[in-house]
Every structure is written in structure tokens, then in C-alpha cells.
C-alpha atoms as a PDB file:
ATOM      1  CA  UNK A   1      -2.630   4.343  -2.209  1.00  0.00           C
ATOM      2  CA  UNK A   2      -4.820   1.396  -1.206  1.00  0.00           C
ATOM      3  CA  UNK A   3      -5.265   0.415  -4.850  1.00  0.00           C
ATOM      4  CA  UNK A   4      -1.523  -0.254  -5.051  1.00  0.00           C
ATOM      5  CA  UNK A   5      -2.208  -3.404  -3.019  1.00  0.00           C
ATOM      6  CA  UNK A   6      -4.010  -5.161  -5.869  1.00  0.00           C
ATOM      7  CA  UNK A   7      -5.971  -3.736  -8.771  1.00  0.00           C
ATOM      8  CA  UNK A   8      -3.564  -1.047 -10.023  1.00  0.00           C
ATOM      9  CA  UNK A   9      -0.565  -3.435 -10.263  1.00  0.00           C
ATOM     10  CA  UNK A  10      -2.826  -6.075 -11.808  1.00  0.00           C
ATOM     11  CA  UNK A  11      -4.032  -3.699 -14.507  1.00  0.00           C
ATOM     12  CA  UNK A  12      -0.581  -2.274 -15.153  1.00  0.00           C
ATOM     13  CA  UNK A  13       1.051  -5.698 -15.441  1.00  0.00           C
ATOM     14  CA  UNK A  14      -1.684  -6.806 -17.840  1.00  0.00           C
ATOM     15  CA  UNK A  15      -0.974  -3.819 -20.076  1.00  0.00           C
ATOM     16  CA  UNK A  16       2.798  -4.239 -19.781  1.00  0.00           C
ATOM     17  CA  UNK A  17       2.461  -7.884 -20.838  1.00  0.00           C
ATOM     18  CA  UNK A  18       1.185  -6.656 -24.202  1.00  0.00           C
ATOM     19  CA  UNK A  19       4.559  -5.093 -25.063  1.00  0.00           C
ATOM     20  CA  UNK A  20       2.686  -2.026 -26.271  1.00  0.00           C
ATOM     21  CA  UNK A  21       4.426  -0.010 -28.955  1.00  0.00           C
ATOM     22  CA  UNK A  22       3.766   3.676 -29.539  1.00  0.00           C
ATOM     23  CA  UNK A  23       0.472   4.135 -31.342  1.00  0.00           C
ATOM     24  CA  UNK A  24      -0.765   0.549 -30.865  1.00  0.00           C
ATOM     25  CA  UNK A  25      -4.448  -0.296 -30.646  1.00  0.00           C
ATOM     26  CA  UNK A  26      -5.356  -2.262 -27.522  1.00  0.00           C
ATOM     27  CA  UNK A  27      -8.674  -4.022 -26.968  1.00  0.00           C
ATOM     28  CA  UNK A  28      -9.875  -4.502 -23.379  1.00  0.00           C
ATOM     29  CA  UNK A  29     -12.568  -7.011 -22.434  1.00  0.00           C
ATOM     30  CA  UNK A  30     -14.140  -5.982 -19.127  1.00  0.00           C
ATOM     31  CA  UNK A  31     -14.392  -2.506 -17.598  1.00  0.00           C
ATOM     32  CA  UNK A  32     -14.534  -3.392 -13.910  1.00  0.00           C
ATOM     33  CA  UNK A  33     -11.899  -1.929 -11.543  1.00  0.00           C
ATOM     34  CA  UNK A  34      -9.044  -3.963 -13.042  1.00  0.00           C
ATOM     35  CA  UNK A  35     -10.211  -3.143 -16.566  1.00  0.00           C
ATOM     36  CA  UNK A  36     -10.294   0.562 -15.724  1.00  0.00           C
ATOM     37  CA  UNK A  37      -6.677   0.437 -14.567  1.00  0.00           C
ATOM     38  CA  UNK A  38      -5.807  -1.572 -17.687  1.00  0.00           C
ATOM     39  CA  UNK A  39      -7.144   1.295 -19.794  1.00  0.00           C
ATOM     40  CA  UNK A  40      -5.203   3.944 -17.868  1.00  0.00           C
ATOM     41  CA  UNK A  41      -2.043   1.814 -17.956  1.00  0.00           C
ATOM     42  CA  UNK A  42      -2.264   1.112 -21.681  1.00  0.00           C
ATOM     43  CA  UNK A  43      -2.287   4.835 -22.409  1.00  0.00           C
ATOM     44  CA  UNK A  44       0.592   5.399 -19.973  1.00  0.00           C
ATOM     45  CA  UNK A  45       2.596   2.774 -21.871  1.00  0.00           C
ATOM     46  CA  UNK A  46       2.055   4.455 -25.236  1.00  0.00           C
ATOM     47  CA  UNK A  47      -1.117   3.023 -26.747  1.00  0.00           C
ATOM     48  CA  UNK A  48      -2.610   5.229 -29.422  1.00  0.00           C
ATOM     49  CA  UNK A  49      -6.095   3.794 -29.036  1.00  0.00           C
ATOM     50  CA  UNK A  50      -7.897   1.681 -26.454  1.00  0.00           C
ATOM     51  CA  UNK A  51     -11.183  -0.002 -27.291  1.00  0.00           C
ATOM     52  CA  UNK A  52     -13.076  -1.195 -24.206  1.00  0.00           C
ATOM     53  CA  UNK A  53     -15.953  -3.664 -23.995  1.00  0.00           C
ATOM     54  CA  UNK A  54     -18.565  -4.231 -21.304  1.00  0.00           C
ATOM     55  CA  UNK A  55     -22.341  -4.352 -20.875  1.00  0.00           C
ATOM     56  CA  UNK A  56     -22.697  -1.941 -17.938  1.00  0.00           C
ATOM     57  CA  UNK A  57     -23.337   1.638 -19.032  1.00  0.00           C
ATOM     58  CA  UNK A  58     -21.638   3.221 -16.000  1.00  0.00           C
ATOM     59  CA  UNK A  59     -18.455   1.227 -16.581  1.00  0.00           C
ATOM     60  CA  UNK A  60     -18.426   2.161 -20.262  1.00  0.00           C
ATOM     61  CA  UNK A  61     -18.887   5.837 -19.368  1.00  0.00           C
ATOM     62  CA  UNK A  62     -15.920   5.670 -16.987  1.00  0.00           C
ATOM     63  CA  UNK A  63     -13.837   4.011 -19.700  1.00  0.00           C
ATOM     64  CA  UNK A  64     -14.749   6.816 -22.095  1.00  0.00           C
ATOM     65  CA  UNK A  65     -13.740   9.386 -19.486  1.00  0.00           C
ATOM     66  CA  UNK A  66     -10.273   7.797 -19.532  1.00  0.00           C
ATOM     67  CA  UNK A  67     -10.058   8.186 -23.307  1.00  0.00           C
ATOM     68  CA  UNK A  68     -11.206   4.750 -24.460  1.00  0.00           C
ATOM     69  CA  UNK A  69     -13.564   4.053 -27.321  1.00  0.00           C
ATOM     70  CA  UNK A  70     -16.292   1.640 -26.243  1.00  0.00           C
ATOM     71  CA  UNK A  71     -18.420  -1.192 -27.541  1.00  0.00           C
ATOM     72  CA  UNK A  72     -21.068  -3.305 -25.896  1.00  0.00           C
ATOM     73  CA  UNK A  73     -19.975  -6.900 -25.448  1.00  0.00           C
ATOM     74  CA  UNK A  74     -23.490  -8.171 -26.210  1.00  0.00           C
ATOM     75  CA  UNK A  75     -23.544  -6.541 -29.656  1.00  0.00           C
ATOM     76  CA  UNK A  76     -24.577  -9.239 -32.145  1.00  0.00           C
ATOM     77  CA  UNK A  77     -22.089  -7.845 -34.674  1.00  0.00           C
ATOM     78  CA  UNK A  78     -19.251  -7.457 -32.173  1.00  0.00           C
ATOM     79  CA  UNK A  79     -16.481  -9.015 -34.262  1.00  0.00           C
ATOM     80  CA  UNK A  80     -17.499  -7.019 -37.337  1.00  0.00           C
ATOM     81  CA  UNK A  81     -17.501  -3.786 -35.349  1.00  0.00           C
ATOM     82  CA  UNK A  82     -14.034  -4.516 -33.969  1.00  0.00           C
ATOM     83  CA  UNK A  83     -12.725  -5.147 -37.476  1.00  0.00           C
ATOM     84  CA  UNK A  84     -14.391  -1.978 -38.767  1.00  0.00           C
ATOM     85  CA  UNK A  85     -12.672   0.047 -36.018  1.00  0.00           C
ATOM     86  CA  UNK A  86      -9.230  -1.428 -36.795  1.00  0.00           C
ATOM     87  CA  UNK A  87      -9.051  -1.219 -40.613  1.00  0.00           C
ATOM     88  CA  UNK A  88     -10.064  -4.899 -40.889  1.00  0.00           C
ATOM     89  CA  UNK A  89      -6.844  -5.959 -39.125  1.00  0.00           C
ATOM     90  CA  UNK A  90      -7.891  -6.444 -35.507  1.00  0.00           C
ATOM     91  CA  UNK A  91      -6.184  -4.836 -32.489  1.00  0.00           C
ATOM     92  CA  UNK A  92      -2.429  -5.180 -31.955  1.00  0.00           C
ATOM     93  CA  UNK A  93      -3.083  -6.701 -28.553  1.00  0.00           C
ATOM     94  CA  UNK A  94      -5.998  -7.476 -26.313  1.00  0.00           C
ATOM     95  CA  UNK A  95      -6.480  -7.823 -22.597  1.00  0.00           C
ATOM     96  CA  UNK A  96      -9.094 -10.187 -21.185  1.00  0.00           C
ATOM     97  CA  UNK A  97      -9.922  -8.766 -17.748  1.00  0.00           C
ATOM     98  CA  UNK A  98     -13.001 -10.906 -17.133  1.00  0.00           C
ATOM     99  CA  UNK A  99     -12.001 -14.533 -16.605  1.00  0.00           C
ATOM    100  CA  UNK A 100     -14.199 -17.419 -15.492  1.00  0.00           C
ATOM    101  CA  UNK A 101     -17.234 -15.211 -14.832  1.00  0.00           C
ATOM    102  CA  UNK A 102     -17.869 -14.167 -18.431  1.00  0.00           C
ATOM    103  CA  UNK A 103     -21.164 -14.945 -20.110  1.00  0.00           C
ATOM    104  CA  UNK A 104     -21.899 -15.800 -23.729  1.00  0.00           C
ATOM    105  CA  UNK A 105     -25.085 -15.528 -25.782  1.00  0.00           C
ATOM    106  CA  UNK A 106     -26.978 -17.947 -23.515  1.00  0.00           C
ATOM    107  CA  UNK A 107     -28.689 -21.157 -24.527  1.00  0.00           C
ATOM    108  CA  UNK A 108     -28.768 -24.761 -23.363  1.00  0.00           C
ATOM    109  CA  UNK A 109     -25.033 -25.438 -23.589  1.00  0.00           C
ATOM    110  CA  UNK A 110     -24.114 -22.346 -21.580  1.00  0.00           C
ATOM    111  CA  UNK A 111     -26.688 -23.264 -18.933  1.00  0.00           C
ATOM    112  CA  UNK A 112     -25.285 -26.768 -18.653  1.00  0.00           C
ATOM    113  CA  UNK A 113     -21.711 -25.523 -18.505  1.00  0.00           C
ATOM    114  CA  UNK A 114     -22.591 -22.990 -15.820  1.00  0.00           C
ATOM    115  CA  UNK A 115     -24.658 -25.215 -13.565  1.00  0.00           C
ATOM    116  CA  UNK A 116     -23.709 -28.822 -14.154  1.00  0.00           C
ATOM    117  CA  UNK A 117     -20.053 -29.073 -15.159  1.00  0.00           C
ATOM    118  CA  UNK A 118     -16.668 -28.171 -13.724  1.00  0.00           C
ATOM    119  CA  UNK A 119     -15.770 -26.229 -16.856  1.00  0.00           C
ATOM    120  CA  UNK A 120     -15.479 -22.472 -16.558  1.00  0.00           C
ATOM    121  CA  UNK A 121     -16.997 -19.939 -18.950  1.00  0.00           C
ATOM    122  CA  UNK A 122     -14.290 -18.650 -21.295  1.00  0.00           C
ATOM    123  CA  UNK A 123     -16.617 -16.704 -23.604  1.00  0.00           C
ATOM    124  CA  UNK A 124     -14.731 -13.419 -23.326  1.00  0.00           C
ATOM    125  CA  UNK A 125     -11.438 -15.229 -23.935  1.00  0.00           C
ATOM    126  CA  UNK A 126     -12.843 -16.915 -27.027  1.00  0.00           C
ATOM    127  CA  UNK A 127     -14.079 -13.591 -28.389  1.00  0.00           C
ATOM    128  CA  UNK A 128     -10.689 -12.055 -27.605  1.00  0.00           C
ATOM    129  CA  UNK A 129      -8.821 -14.719 -29.581  1.00  0.00           C
ATOM    130  CA  UNK A 130     -11.149 -14.137 -32.510  1.00  0.00           C
ATOM    131  CA  UNK A 131     -10.599 -10.384 -32.396  1.00  0.00           C
ATOM    132  CA  UNK A 132      -6.812 -10.193 -32.030  1.00  0.00           C
ATOM    133  CA  UNK A 133      -4.846  -9.662 -35.228  1.00  0.00           C
ATOM    134  CA  UNK A 134      -2.462 -12.388 -36.489  1.00  0.00           C
ATOM    135  CA  UNK A 135       0.812 -12.173 -34.597  1.00  0.00           C
ATOM    136  CA  UNK A 136      -0.788 -10.175 -31.807  1.00  0.00           C
ATOM    137  CA  UNK A 137      -0.584 -10.571 -28.052  1.00  0.00           C
ATOM    138  CA  UNK A 138      -3.275 -11.783 -25.665  1.00  0.00           C
ATOM    139  CA  UNK A 139      -2.834 -10.680 -22.042  1.00  0.00           C
ATOM    140  CA  UNK A 140      -4.922 -12.531 -19.487  1.00  0.00           C
ATOM    141  CA  UNK A 141      -5.331 -11.037 -15.989  1.00  0.00           C
ATOM    142  CA  UNK A 142      -8.883 -12.416 -15.792  1.00  0.00           C
ATOM    143  CA  UNK A 143      -9.037 -15.182 -13.195  1.00  0.00           C
ATOM    144  CA  UNK A 144      -9.452 -18.831 -14.168  1.00  0.00           C
ATOM    145  CA  UNK A 145      -9.299 -21.667 -11.663  1.00  0.00           C
ATOM    146  CA  UNK A 146     -10.149 -24.948 -13.379  1.00  0.00           C
ATOM    147  CA  UNK A 147     -10.536 -26.337 -16.906  1.00  0.00           C
ATOM    148  CA  UNK A 148     -11.224 -24.072 -19.877  1.00  0.00           C
ATOM    149  CA  UNK A 149     -12.202 -24.854 -23.453  1.00  0.00           C
ATOM    150  CA  UNK A 150     -10.067 -22.751 -25.806  1.00  0.00           C
ATOM    151  CA  UNK A 151     -10.013 -22.730 -29.651  1.00  0.00           C
ATOM    152  CA  UNK A 152      -6.358 -23.739 -29.924  1.00  0.00           C
ATOM    153  CA  UNK A 153      -6.564 -24.096 -33.706  1.00  0.00           C
ATOM    154  CA  UNK A 154      -7.316 -20.384 -33.973  1.00  0.00           C
ATOM    155  CA  UNK A 155      -4.650 -19.524 -31.399  1.00  0.00           C
ATOM    156  CA  UNK A 156      -1.949 -21.479 -33.248  1.00  0.00           C
ATOM    157  CA  UNK A 157      -3.132 -20.506 -36.719  1.00  0.00           C
ATOM    158  CA  UNK A 158      -2.905 -16.810 -35.888  1.00  0.00           C
ATOM    159  CA  UNK A 159       0.481 -17.182 -34.220  1.00  0.00           C
ATOM    160  CA  UNK A 160      -0.702 -15.384 -31.110  1.00  0.00           C
ATOM    161  CA  UNK A 161       1.320 -14.873 -27.951  1.00  0.00           C
ATOM    162  CA  UNK A 162      -0.389 -15.216 -24.566  1.00  0.00           C
ATOM    163  CA  UNK A 163       0.947 -13.789 -21.332  1.00  0.00           C
ATOM    164  CA  UNK A 164      -0.751 -14.346 -18.004  1.00  0.00           C
ATOM    165  CA  UNK A 165      -0.108 -14.959 -14.312  1.00  0.00           C
ATOM    166  CA  UNK A 166      -1.003 -13.453 -10.978  1.00  0.00           C
ATOM    167  CA  UNK A 167       0.028  -9.874 -10.335  1.00  0.00           C
ATOM    168  CA  UNK A 168       3.568  -9.277  -9.010  1.00  0.00           C
ATOM    169  CA  UNK A 169       2.409  -6.559  -6.649  1.00  0.00           C
ATOM    170  CA  UNK A 170       5.731  -6.040  -4.852  1.00  0.00           C
ATOM    171  CA  UNK A 171       7.564  -5.536  -8.136  1.00  0.00           C
ATOM    172  CA  UNK A 172       5.266  -2.697  -9.158  1.00  0.00           C
ATOM    173  CA  UNK A 173       4.840  -0.826  -5.874  1.00  0.00           C
ATOM    174  CA  UNK A 174       7.744   1.591  -6.328  1.00  0.00           C
ATOM    175  CA  UNK A 175       7.311   2.452 -10.040  1.00  0.00           C
ATOM    176  CA  UNK A 176       3.547   2.884  -9.692  1.00  0.00           C
ATOM    177  CA  UNK A 177       3.990   5.032  -6.600  1.00  0.00           C
ATOM    178  CA  UNK A 178       6.249   7.280  -8.652  1.00  0.00           C
ATOM    179  CA  UNK A 179       3.548   7.586 -11.316  1.00  0.00           C
ATOM    180  CA  UNK A 180       1.094   8.687  -8.636  1.00  0.00           C
ATOM    181  CA  UNK A 181       3.532  11.124  -7.028  1.00  0.00           C
ATOM    182  CA  UNK A 182       4.375  12.668 -10.406  1.00  0.00           C
ATOM    183  CA  UNK A 183       0.703  13.244 -11.140  1.00  0.00           C
ATOM    184  CA  UNK A 184       0.603  10.953 -14.166  1.00  0.00           C
ATOM    185  CA  UNK A 185      -2.295   9.014 -12.636  1.00  0.00           C
ATOM    186  CA  UNK A 186      -4.695   9.555  -9.739  1.00  0.00           C
ATOM    187  CA  UNK A 187      -6.172   6.202  -8.632  1.00  0.00           C
ATOM    188  CA  UNK A 188      -9.022   7.918  -6.786  1.00  0.00           C
ATOM    189  CA  UNK A 189     -10.831   8.277 -10.132  1.00  0.00           C
ATOM    190  CA  UNK A 190     -12.328   4.875  -9.342  1.00  0.00           C
ATOM    191  CA  UNK A 191     -13.960   5.780  -6.008  1.00  0.00           C
ATOM    192  CA  UNK A 192     -17.683   6.427  -6.294  1.00  0.00           C
ATOM    193  CA  UNK A 193     -18.933   6.258  -2.690  1.00  0.00           C
ATOM    194  CA  UNK A 194     -17.500   7.227   0.689  1.00  0.00           C
ATOM    195  CA  UNK A 195     -19.156   5.632   3.689  1.00  0.00           C
ATOM    196  CA  UNK A 196     -18.841   5.149   7.431  1.00  0.00           C
ATOM    197  CA  UNK A 197     -18.525   1.762   9.113  1.00  0.00           C
ATOM    198  CA  UNK A 198     -22.130   1.852  10.310  1.00  0.00           C
ATOM    199  CA  UNK A 199     -23.226   1.949   6.665  1.00  0.00           C
ATOM    200  CA  UNK A 200     -21.277  -1.213   5.818  1.00  0.00           C
ATOM    201  CA  UNK A 201     -24.191  -3.688   5.687  1.00  0.00           C
ATOM    202  CA  UNK A 202     -26.181  -1.445   3.388  1.00  0.00           C
ATOM    203  CA  UNK A 203     -23.107  -0.869   1.220  1.00  0.00           C
ATOM    204  CA  UNK A 204     -22.686  -4.604   0.696  1.00  0.00           C
ATOM    205  CA  UNK A 205     -26.350  -4.747  -0.347  1.00  0.00           C
ATOM    206  CA  UNK A 206     -25.675  -1.934  -2.814  1.00  0.00           C
ATOM    207  CA  UNK A 207     -22.859  -3.964  -4.314  1.00  0.00           C
ATOM    208  CA  UNK A 208     -24.869  -7.178  -4.406  1.00  0.00           C
ATOM    209  CA  UNK A 209     -27.863  -5.597  -6.135  1.00  0.00           C
ATOM    210  CA  UNK A 210     -25.837  -3.096  -8.226  1.00  0.00           C
ATOM    211  CA  UNK A 211     -28.328  -0.401  -7.275  1.00  0.00           C
ATOM    212  CA  UNK A 212     -26.101   2.649  -7.484  1.00  0.00           C
ATOM    213  CA  UNK A 213     -23.475   1.779 -10.092  1.00  0.00           C
ATOM    214  CA  UNK A 214     -20.927   1.179  -7.347  1.00  0.00           C
ATOM    215  CA  UNK A 215     -17.420   0.852  -8.714  1.00  0.00           C
ATOM    216  CA  UNK A 216     -15.467   1.347  -5.501  1.00  0.00           C
ATOM    217  CA  UNK A 217     -16.653   2.769  -2.242  1.00  0.00           C
ATOM    218  CA  UNK A 218     -14.335   4.185   0.362  1.00  0.00           C
ATOM    219  CA  UNK A 219     -14.245   6.057   3.627  1.00  0.00           C
ATOM    220  CA  UNK A 220     -11.398   8.474   4.201  1.00  0.00           C
ATOM    221  CA  UNK A 221      -9.537   5.983   6.385  1.00  0.00           C
ATOM    222  CA  UNK A 222      -7.014   3.298   5.392  1.00  0.00           C
ATOM    223  CA  UNK A 223      -4.640   0.281   5.927  1.00  0.00           C
ATOM    224  CA  UNK A 224      -5.131  -3.514   6.350  1.00  0.00           C
ATOM    225  CA  UNK A 225      -7.371  -5.078   3.732  1.00  0.00           C
ATOM    226  CA  UNK A 226      -9.439  -8.254   3.756  1.00  0.00           C
ATOM    227  CA  UNK A 227     -10.695  -8.937   0.212  1.00  0.00           C
ATOM    228  CA  UNK A 228     -13.442 -11.254  -0.975  1.00  0.00           C
ATOM    229  CA  UNK A 229     -14.940 -11.627  -4.442  1.00  0.00           C
ATOM    230  CA  UNK A 230     -15.059  -8.083  -5.654  1.00  0.00           C
ATOM    231  CA  UNK A 231     -15.409  -6.493  -2.197  1.00  0.00           C
ATOM    232  CA  UNK A 232     -12.828  -5.249   0.259  1.00  0.00           C
ATOM    233  CA  UNK A 233     -13.055  -4.513   3.966  1.00  0.00           C
ATOM    234  CA  UNK A 234     -10.035  -2.693   5.282  1.00  0.00           C
ATOM    235  CA  UNK A 235      -9.241  -2.863   8.961  1.00  0.00           C
ATOM    236  CA  UNK A 236      -6.734  -0.302  10.297  1.00  0.00           C
ATOM    237  CA  UNK A 237      -6.025   0.084  13.994  1.00  0.00           C
ATOM    238  CA  UNK A 238      -9.138   0.575  16.100  1.00  0.00           C
ATOM    239  CA  UNK A 239      -8.344   4.175  16.872  1.00  0.00           C
ATOM    240  CA  UNK A 240      -8.852   5.108  13.239  1.00  0.00           C
ATOM    241  CA  UNK A 241     -11.928   3.091  12.322  1.00  0.00           C
ATOM    242  CA  UNK A 242     -12.537   0.823   9.364  1.00  0.00           C
ATOM    243  CA  UNK A 243     -12.778   1.434   5.650  1.00  0.00           C
ATOM    244  CA  UNK A 244     -15.214  -0.381   3.395  1.00  0.00           C
ATOM    245  CA  UNK A 245     -14.760  -0.432  -0.340  1.00  0.00           C
ATOM    246  CA  UNK A 246     -17.200  -1.875  -2.846  1.00  0.00           C
ATOM    247  CA  UNK A 247     -15.879  -3.129  -6.132  1.00  0.00           C
ATOM    248  CA  UNK A 248     -17.327  -4.952  -9.042  1.00  0.00           C
ATOM    249  CA  UNK A 249     -15.213  -7.970  -9.979  1.00  0.00           C
ATOM    250  CA  UNK A 250     -12.386  -7.897 -12.516  1.00  0.00           C
ATOM    251  CA  UNK A 251     -14.954  -7.052 -15.142  1.00  0.00           C
ATOM    252  CA  UNK A 252     -17.483  -9.865 -15.379  1.00  0.00           C
ATOM    253  CA  UNK A 253     -20.227  -9.218 -17.877  1.00  0.00           C
ATOM    254  CA  UNK A 254     -23.546  -9.673 -16.008  1.00  0.00           C
END
């Protein structure tokens, strides 16, 4: 139930923003926790195919377990492979669940943009705009804060629609709870580690160094949640202890 406080509604809203029609092909950039719920939600909303992109093998394996086809984001022929998988048309819609933390092919310009300017890194968004079919929809739950360079000529020329915005968590609590209660989705698929409070410092190290493919980590306890970038410390009443969860970010490609 804890995931109803953030990542499940975020992923579901991102998929809903695509106005998915039965049998549609949806492309998902980023297979972090939000991306994983995007995949589940897209299928719940009627997608016929979901193609998911990331560079982390464990995330891609989890996406495949949910029924998605996968590609590596760092594939030099990425756009060609996407076209080959969609009859040269591109996906009907795409969801960019990465945001300002995405990385491109590297090089001097990317280094300068990352370290010396206020511009964010919209590489996944740029790839998404290239991939989406003409007339398609781009859904953007990936977080951006400041200025972003976007190929508007391509966006306008293709006649794309973009939908974005922060998650309306309260709006989705009841309908998503019903999906859980009916057995249509079990959010615990995302939990990889269960820990006690005394293991918290080491768990944060695990997240920081990505040693054990941590997606989410949880103890069996619950309630109040204090979230920081990709990590969550929940603090219920003192009689019931504290829960620590480890999460990779929305899906940033390392």
C-alpha cells in the first residue's frame, strides 16, 4: 500500500496520459520504480505491446517479467531497432520516465552541459521525440526543474501531443486501491530487500553503490514516509519501528 503514496499513481497517470487504445504499442524510457509501474499500468489500460528501454540488466529483466519487450538505451542503432519493432511506424505513444538525469552518448558538449551550465540533460526526451510516430503522444513523468533544449521543429513537424505534470496522487488512491484489492496488480513485485532499522546505513550504501541491484527495499512495517532522491525512510509510530526502502530514481540511465 505504501507505493500508493507516490510511484504507483505517478506511473499510472503517465500511462493514462497516453490515451492508450486497445492494442497500442507503448514505448517506455526508463525502467526504474516509476517505469516499472508505467509498464504494468500500460498493460492494465489495454496496451498490446510495451517496449521498455534502460541500461541496467536487472531493471530490464524485471520489465520482461511484466511482459515488456526490452532494448538497451545505449544501443548505437536504437532508433533503427525501434522502427524495426514497430513496422517502421514508431510507437503509438511513449513515456519518458527519466527526466533531467538522463545521459547521452558522452563527449565534450555533454560534459559541459552536465558540469558547467544550468541546462538539464534531456537526452532521453530527445530520443523519445525521435521515436514516436507522427500524431503520437509523449507522456512525461520524468522530472525536469530548469531549462531544457528540445527539438521543437521535430515536435511540431510530427504533430505530437505532450502531456505532463506532477502526479495527482489523491485522485488515484481509490481506483488504484480497487485494482490492488481485485488482484489485478500486486505492487510488492517491486520489493527486492527487506531489512531492519539497524541495517539502514548499510542499505543506503547498497543503494549508493548499486551493489545488489536494489530496486526497493522494505521491512514489514509501514506508515509515514520521508523521501529523498530515490530513497525513502518511513517513520511510523515508535512502537512499530521504522521502515527503510531503497529505490533507484525514476529511471535515470547511469
